């Protein structure tokens, strides 16, 4: 099966689960929207859960975050965290469908929860390593790197979530304002 066919099935699954929920999006509907036979879906992915696990893998953003960490880190707290915040917002914005599905379906399907839980855990671990190294280099106060990483994720995810949920513009804060105010405030707390 071509990669294009796999992508069509994954995209159809994301769109339908987003629209109808995990239970409401049947394999027959997914195959129909993707323009393939339902047997093709089962042959390639085994089940609807298999399609969503492939979607989570395909749309997980930690390879992209790792790439940013490996290529753009300057070991300058201000520059790095501002850059990481911008990168995070761009990446989660591009992956918003699978992220919103994971929030909406959380707790209903343990297998899906287990696959999704790997995403924030990997990101947190990457940030813990960064903060630990910054502490070791004397560029950051000796605080709990795990707490700092969790806090950074919460601030950034909170911004993403509010932007998605408050779509009427009532609480719109531009990304530049968010970084200048909230991320700078966070950075100052690390010194």
C-alpha atoms as a PDB file:
ATOM      1  CA  UNK A   1       0.000   0.000   0.000  1.00  0.00           C
ATOM      2  CA  UNK A   2       1.323   3.408  -0.867  1.00  0.00           C
ATOM      3  CA  UNK A   3       2.198   5.948   1.810  1.00  0.00           C
ATOM      4  CA  UNK A   4      -0.431   8.179   0.240  1.00  0.00           C
ATOM      5  CA  UNK A   5      -3.154   5.598   0.990  1.00  0.00           C
ATOM      6  CA  UNK A   6      -1.968   5.261   4.598  1.00  0.00           C
ATOM      7  CA  UNK A   7      -2.022   9.034   4.976  1.00  0.00           C
ATOM      8  CA  UNK A   8      -5.545   9.233   3.543  1.00  0.00           C
ATOM      9  CA  UNK A   9      -6.784   6.654   6.045  1.00  0.00           C
ATOM     10  CA  UNK A  10      -5.045   8.375   8.966  1.00  0.00           C
ATOM     11  CA  UNK A  11      -6.329  11.817   7.935  1.00  0.00           C
ATOM     12  CA  UNK A  12      -9.873  10.469   7.496  1.00  0.00           C
ATOM     13  CA  UNK A  13      -9.728   8.847  10.943  1.00  0.00           C
ATOM     14  CA  UNK A  14      -8.555  12.066  12.586  1.00  0.00           C
ATOM     15  CA  UNK A  15     -11.239  14.127  10.880  1.00  0.00           C
ATOM     16  CA  UNK A  16     -14.035  11.686  11.695  1.00  0.00           C
ATOM     17  CA  UNK A  17     -12.994  11.085  15.297  1.00  0.00           C
ATOM     18  CA  UNK A  18     -12.735  14.844  15.727  1.00  0.00           C
ATOM     19  CA  UNK A  19     -16.254  15.250  14.327  1.00  0.00           C
ATOM     20  CA  UNK A  20     -18.026  12.168  15.731  1.00  0.00           C
ATOM     21  CA  UNK A  21     -15.871  10.949  18.606  1.00  0.00           C
ATOM     22  CA  UNK A  22     -13.923   7.704  18.776  1.00  0.00           C
ATOM     23  CA  UNK A  23     -16.986   5.504  19.146  1.00  0.00           C
ATOM     24  CA  UNK A  24     -18.991   7.314  16.467  1.00  0.00           C
ATOM     25  CA  UNK A  25     -16.312   7.093  13.791  1.00  0.00           C
ATOM     26  CA  UNK A  26     -16.641   3.573  12.386  1.00  0.00           C
ATOM     27  CA  UNK A  27     -14.039   1.816  10.291  1.00  0.00           C
ATOM     28  CA  UNK A  28     -16.532   1.747   7.426  1.00  0.00           C
ATOM     29  CA  UNK A  29     -16.897   5.548   7.595  1.00  0.00           C
ATOM     30  CA  UNK A  30     -13.138   6.039   7.817  1.00  0.00           C
ATOM     31  CA  UNK A  31     -12.559   3.829   4.765  1.00  0.00           C
ATOM     32  CA  UNK A  32     -15.306   5.604   2.833  1.00  0.00           C
ATOM     33  CA  UNK A  33     -13.905   9.084   3.557  1.00  0.00           C
ATOM     34  CA  UNK A  34     -10.393   7.866   2.688  1.00  0.00           C
ATOM     35  CA  UNK A  35     -11.669   6.407  -0.582  1.00  0.00           C
ATOM     36  CA  UNK A  36     -10.501   2.865   0.188  1.00  0.00           C
ATOM     37  CA  UNK A  37     -12.102  -0.479   0.917  1.00  0.00           C
ATOM     38  CA  UNK A  38     -12.654  -1.269   4.609  1.00  0.00           C
ATOM     39  CA  UNK A  39     -10.595  -4.439   4.115  1.00  0.00           C
ATOM     40  CA  UNK A  40      -7.649  -2.223   3.136  1.00  0.00           C
ATOM     41  CA  UNK A  41      -7.956  -0.386   6.438  1.00  0.00           C
ATOM     42  CA  UNK A  42      -7.978  -3.644   8.413  1.00  0.00           C
ATOM     43  CA  UNK A  43      -5.133  -5.130   6.386  1.00  0.00           C
ATOM     44  CA  UNK A  44      -2.940  -2.087   6.984  1.00  0.00           C
ATOM     45  CA  UNK A  45      -3.855  -1.098  10.546  1.00  0.00           C
ATOM     46  CA  UNK A  46      -5.737  -4.051  12.053  1.00  0.00           C
ATOM     47  CA  UNK A  47      -8.415  -1.911  13.701  1.00  0.00           C
ATOM     48  CA  UNK A  48      -9.662   1.606  14.305  1.00  0.00           C
ATOM     49  CA  UNK A  49      -7.394   1.756  17.336  1.00  0.00           C
ATOM     50  CA  UNK A  50      -4.480   0.776  15.094  1.00  0.00           C
ATOM     51  CA  UNK A  51      -5.272   3.683  12.772  1.00  0.00           C
ATOM     52  CA  UNK A  52      -5.336   6.114  15.691  1.00  0.00           C
ATOM     53  CA  UNK A  53      -2.119   4.715  17.125  1.00  0.00           C
ATOM     54  CA  UNK A  54      -0.523   5.278  13.706  1.00  0.00           C
ATOM     55  CA  UNK A  55      -1.950   8.815  13.719  1.00  0.00           C
ATOM     56  CA  UNK A  56      -0.490   9.483  17.156  1.00  0.00           C
ATOM     57  CA  UNK A  57       2.881   8.195  15.996  1.00  0.00           C
ATOM     58  CA  UNK A  58       2.756  10.149  12.737  1.00  0.00           C
ATOM     59  CA  UNK A  59       1.582  13.358  14.355  1.00  0.00           C
ATOM     60  CA  UNK A  60       3.558  13.178  17.556  1.00  0.00           C
ATOM     61  CA  UNK A  61       5.796  16.180  17.730  1.00  0.00           C
ATOM     62  CA  UNK A  62       8.690  14.985  19.813  1.00  0.00           C
ATOM     63  CA  UNK A  63      10.926  14.165  16.877  1.00  0.00           C
ATOM     64  CA  UNK A  64      10.399  17.766  15.818  1.00  0.00           C
ATOM     65  CA  UNK A  65      11.060  19.065  19.341  1.00  0.00           C
ATOM     66  CA  UNK A  66      14.180  16.881  19.581  1.00  0.00           C
ATOM     67  CA  UNK A  67      15.321  18.269  16.233  1.00  0.00           C
ATOM     68  CA  UNK A  68      14.821  21.826  17.520  1.00  0.00           C
ATOM     69  CA  UNK A  69      16.652  20.951  20.750  1.00  0.00           C
ATOM     70  CA  UNK A  70      19.589  19.438  18.877  1.00  0.00           C
ATOM     71  CA  UNK A  71      19.969  22.140  16.227  1.00  0.00           C
ATOM     72  CA  UNK A  72      18.819  25.417  17.737  1.00  0.00           C
ATOM     73  CA  UNK A  73      19.747  25.367  21.430  1.00  0.00           C
ATOM     74  CA  UNK A  74      22.261  28.091  22.271  1.00  0.00           C
ATOM     75  CA  UNK A  75      22.481  27.424  26.027  1.00  0.00           C
ATOM     76  CA  UNK A  76      21.072  30.898  26.608  1.00  0.00           C
ATOM     77  CA  UNK A  77      17.999  30.677  28.856  1.00  0.00           C
ATOM     78  CA  UNK A  78      16.132  33.648  27.362  1.00  0.00           C
ATOM     79  CA  UNK A  79      16.796  32.810  23.722  1.00  0.00           C
ATOM     80  CA  UNK A  80      16.260  29.067  24.163  1.00  0.00           C
ATOM     81  CA  UNK A  81      12.959  29.199  26.045  1.00  0.00           C
ATOM     82  CA  UNK A  82      11.522  31.865  23.775  1.00  0.00           C
ATOM     83  CA  UNK A  83      12.548  29.809  20.740  1.00  0.00           C
ATOM     84  CA  UNK A  84      11.184  26.586  22.309  1.00  0.00           C
ATOM     85  CA  UNK A  85       7.901  28.269  23.127  1.00  0.00           C
ATOM     86  CA  UNK A  86       7.486  29.516  19.543  1.00  0.00           C
ATOM     87  CA  UNK A  87       8.454  26.107  18.155  1.00  0.00           C
ATOM     88  CA  UNK A  88       6.032  24.352  20.524  1.00  0.00           C
ATOM     89  CA  UNK A  89       3.134  26.634  19.532  1.00  0.00           C
ATOM     90  CA  UNK A  90       3.849  26.152  15.815  1.00  0.00           C
ATOM     91  CA  UNK A  91       4.113  22.391  16.177  1.00  0.00           C
ATOM     92  CA  UNK A  92       1.008  21.859  18.338  1.00  0.00           C
ATOM     93  CA  UNK A  93      -0.925  24.234  16.107  1.00  0.00           C
ATOM     94  CA  UNK A  94      -0.098  22.032  13.138  1.00  0.00           C
ATOM     95  CA  UNK A  95      -1.052  18.886  15.106  1.00  0.00           C
ATOM     96  CA  UNK A  96      -4.140  20.334  16.764  1.00  0.00           C
ATOM     97  CA  UNK A  97      -6.528  17.636  15.467  1.00  0.00           C
ATOM     98  CA  UNK A  98      -4.867  14.707  17.215  1.00  0.00           C
ATOM     99  CA  UNK A  99      -4.254  16.782  20.362  1.00  0.00           C
ATOM    100  CA  UNK A 100      -7.896  17.805  20.643  1.00  0.00           C
ATOM    101  CA  UNK A 101      -9.003  14.214  20.027  1.00  0.00           C
ATOM    102  CA  UNK A 102      -6.739  13.041  22.829  1.00  0.00           C
ATOM    103  CA  UNK A 103      -8.327  15.533  25.216  1.00  0.00           C
ATOM    104  CA  UNK A 104     -11.888  14.759  24.194  1.00  0.00           C
ATOM    105  CA  UNK A 105     -11.474  10.979  24.320  1.00  0.00           C
ATOM    106  CA  UNK A 106      -9.309  10.845  27.455  1.00  0.00           C
ATOM    107  CA  UNK A 107     -10.355   8.135  29.885  1.00  0.00           C
ATOM    108  CA  UNK A 108     -12.724   6.353  27.515  1.00  0.00           C
ATOM    109  CA  UNK A 109     -10.259   4.024  25.865  1.00  0.00           C
ATOM    110  CA  UNK A 110      -7.295   2.933  28.028  1.00  0.00           C
ATOM    111  CA  UNK A 111      -5.288   1.708  25.027  1.00  0.00           C
ATOM    112  CA  UNK A 112      -5.561   5.094  23.353  1.00  0.00           C
ATOM    113  CA  UNK A 113      -4.737   6.885  26.635  1.00  0.00           C
ATOM    114  CA  UNK A 114      -1.591   4.797  26.988  1.00  0.00           C
ATOM    115  CA  UNK A 115      -0.377   5.696  23.495  1.00  0.00           C
ATOM    116  CA  UNK A 116      -1.198   9.383  23.957  1.00  0.00           C
ATOM    117  CA  UNK A 117       0.446   9.610  27.394  1.00  0.00           C
ATOM    118  CA  UNK A 118       3.838   9.012  25.803  1.00  0.00           C
ATOM    119  CA  UNK A 119       3.695  12.438  24.165  1.00  0.00           C
ATOM    120  CA  UNK A 120       3.866  14.782  27.184  1.00  0.00           C
ATOM    121  CA  UNK A 121       6.158  12.376  29.035  1.00  0.00           C
ATOM    122  CA  UNK A 122       8.755  12.495  26.249  1.00  0.00           C
ATOM    123  CA  UNK A 123       8.576  16.278  26.025  1.00  0.00           C
ATOM    124  CA  UNK A 124       8.903  16.649  29.785  1.00  0.00           C
ATOM    125  CA  UNK A 125      11.937  14.365  29.857  1.00  0.00           C
ATOM    126  CA  UNK A 126      13.621  16.386  27.094  1.00  0.00           C
ATOM    127  CA  UNK A 127      13.032  19.608  29.021  1.00  0.00           C
ATOM    128  CA  UNK A 128      14.252  18.054  32.289  1.00  0.00           C
ATOM    129  CA  UNK A 129      17.530  17.212  30.538  1.00  0.00           C
ATOM    130  CA  UNK A 130      17.798  20.792  29.235  1.00  0.00           C
ATOM    131  CA  UNK A 131      17.095  22.390  32.627  1.00  0.00           C
ATOM    132  CA  UNK A 132      19.480  19.997  34.385  1.00  0.00           C
ATOM    133  CA  UNK A 133      22.250  20.951  31.974  1.00  0.00           C
ATOM    134  CA  UNK A 134      21.507  24.669  32.432  1.00  0.00           C
ATOM    135  CA  UNK A 135      21.763  24.205  36.211  1.00  0.00           C
ATOM    136  CA  UNK A 136      25.047  22.295  35.802  1.00  0.00           C
ATOM    137  CA  UNK A 137      26.403  25.130  33.625  1.00  0.00           C
ATOM    138  CA  UNK A 138      25.462  27.661  36.299  1.00  0.00           C
ATOM    139  CA  UNK A 139      23.029  29.429  33.968  1.00  0.00           C
ATOM    140  CA  UNK A 140      19.968  28.707  36.061  1.00  0.00           C
ATOM    141  CA  UNK A 141      19.130  28.597  39.752  1.00  0.00           C
ATOM    142  CA  UNK A 142      19.494  25.124  41.316  1.00  0.00           C
ATOM    143  CA  UNK A 143      15.815  24.229  41.330  1.00  0.00           C
ATOM    144  CA  UNK A 144      13.949  21.003  40.623  1.00  0.00           C
ATOM    145  CA  UNK A 145      14.351  20.544  36.852  1.00  0.00           C
ATOM    146  CA  UNK A 146      11.266  18.316  36.717  1.00  0.00           C
ATOM    147  CA  UNK A 147       9.090  21.016  38.273  1.00  0.00           C
ATOM    148  CA  UNK A 148      10.503  23.648  35.888  1.00  0.00           C
ATOM    149  CA  UNK A 149       9.826  21.389  32.879  1.00  0.00           C
ATOM    150  CA  UNK A 150       6.271  20.658  34.006  1.00  0.00           C
ATOM    151  CA  UNK A 151       5.590  24.344  34.590  1.00  0.00           C
ATOM    152  CA  UNK A 152       6.952  25.288  31.145  1.00  0.00           C
ATOM    153  CA  UNK A 153       4.727  22.671  29.486  1.00  0.00           C
ATOM    154  CA  UNK A 154       1.679  23.836  31.447  1.00  0.00           C
ATOM    155  CA  UNK A 155       2.190  27.474  30.446  1.00  0.00           C
ATOM    156  CA  UNK A 156       2.607  26.599  26.775  1.00  0.00           C
ATOM    157  CA  UNK A 157      -0.195  24.059  26.641  1.00  0.00           C
ATOM    158  CA  UNK A 158      -2.466  26.461  28.520  1.00  0.00           C
ATOM    159  CA  UNK A 159      -1.870  29.095  25.856  1.00  0.00           C
ATOM    160  CA  UNK A 160      -2.605  26.594  23.073  1.00  0.00           C
ATOM    161  CA  UNK A 161      -5.749  25.335  24.815  1.00  0.00           C
ATOM    162  CA  UNK A 162      -7.169  28.784  25.577  1.00  0.00           C
ATOM    163  CA  UNK A 163      -6.493  29.897  22.020  1.00  0.00           C
ATOM    164  CA  UNK A 164      -8.426  26.851  20.758  1.00  0.00           C
ATOM    165  CA  UNK A 165     -11.283  27.169  23.217  1.00  0.00           C
ATOM    166  CA  UNK A 166     -11.736  30.950  23.258  1.00  0.00           C
ATOM    167  CA  UNK A 167     -12.107  31.237  19.514  1.00  0.00           C
ATOM    168  CA  UNK A 168     -14.354  34.293  19.772  1.00  0.00           C
ATOM    169  CA  UNK A 169     -11.249  36.434  20.271  1.00  0.00           C
ATOM    170  CA  UNK A 170     -12.286  37.557  23.762  1.00  0.00           C
ATOM    171  CA  UNK A 171      -8.990  36.529  25.298  1.00  0.00           C
ATOM    172  CA  UNK A 172      -6.776  36.662  22.243  1.00  0.00           C
ATOM    173  CA  UNK A 173      -3.145  37.201  23.074  1.00  0.00           C
ATOM    174  CA  UNK A 174      -0.722  37.192  20.195  1.00  0.00           C
ATOM    175  CA  UNK A 175       2.118  34.691  20.318  1.00  0.00           C
ATOM    176  CA  UNK A 176       4.605  37.557  20.583  1.00  0.00           C
ATOM    177  CA  UNK A 177       2.721  39.054  23.560  1.00  0.00           C
ATOM    178  CA  UNK A 178       2.466  35.633  25.186  1.00  0.00           C
ATOM    179  CA  UNK A 179       6.199  35.052  24.883  1.00  0.00           C
ATOM    180  CA  UNK A 180       7.146  38.585  25.891  1.00  0.00           C
ATOM    181  CA  UNK A 181       4.973  38.529  29.004  1.00  0.00           C
ATOM    182  CA  UNK A 182       4.354  34.974  30.188  1.00  0.00           C
ATOM    183  CA  UNK A 183       7.503  33.225  29.011  1.00  0.00           C
ATOM    184  CA  UNK A 184       9.702  36.121  30.136  1.00  0.00           C
ATOM    185  CA  UNK A 185       8.025  36.007  33.562  1.00  0.00           C
ATOM    186  CA  UNK A 186       8.706  32.268  33.719  1.00  0.00           C
ATOM    187  CA  UNK A 187      12.339  32.755  32.675  1.00  0.00           C
ATOM    188  CA  UNK A 188      12.808  35.365  35.405  1.00  0.00           C
ATOM    189  CA  UNK A 189      11.570  32.847  37.980  1.00  0.00           C
ATOM    190  CA  UNK A 190      14.409  30.484  37.017  1.00  0.00           C
ATOM    191  CA  UNK A 191      17.212  32.884  37.838  1.00  0.00           C
END
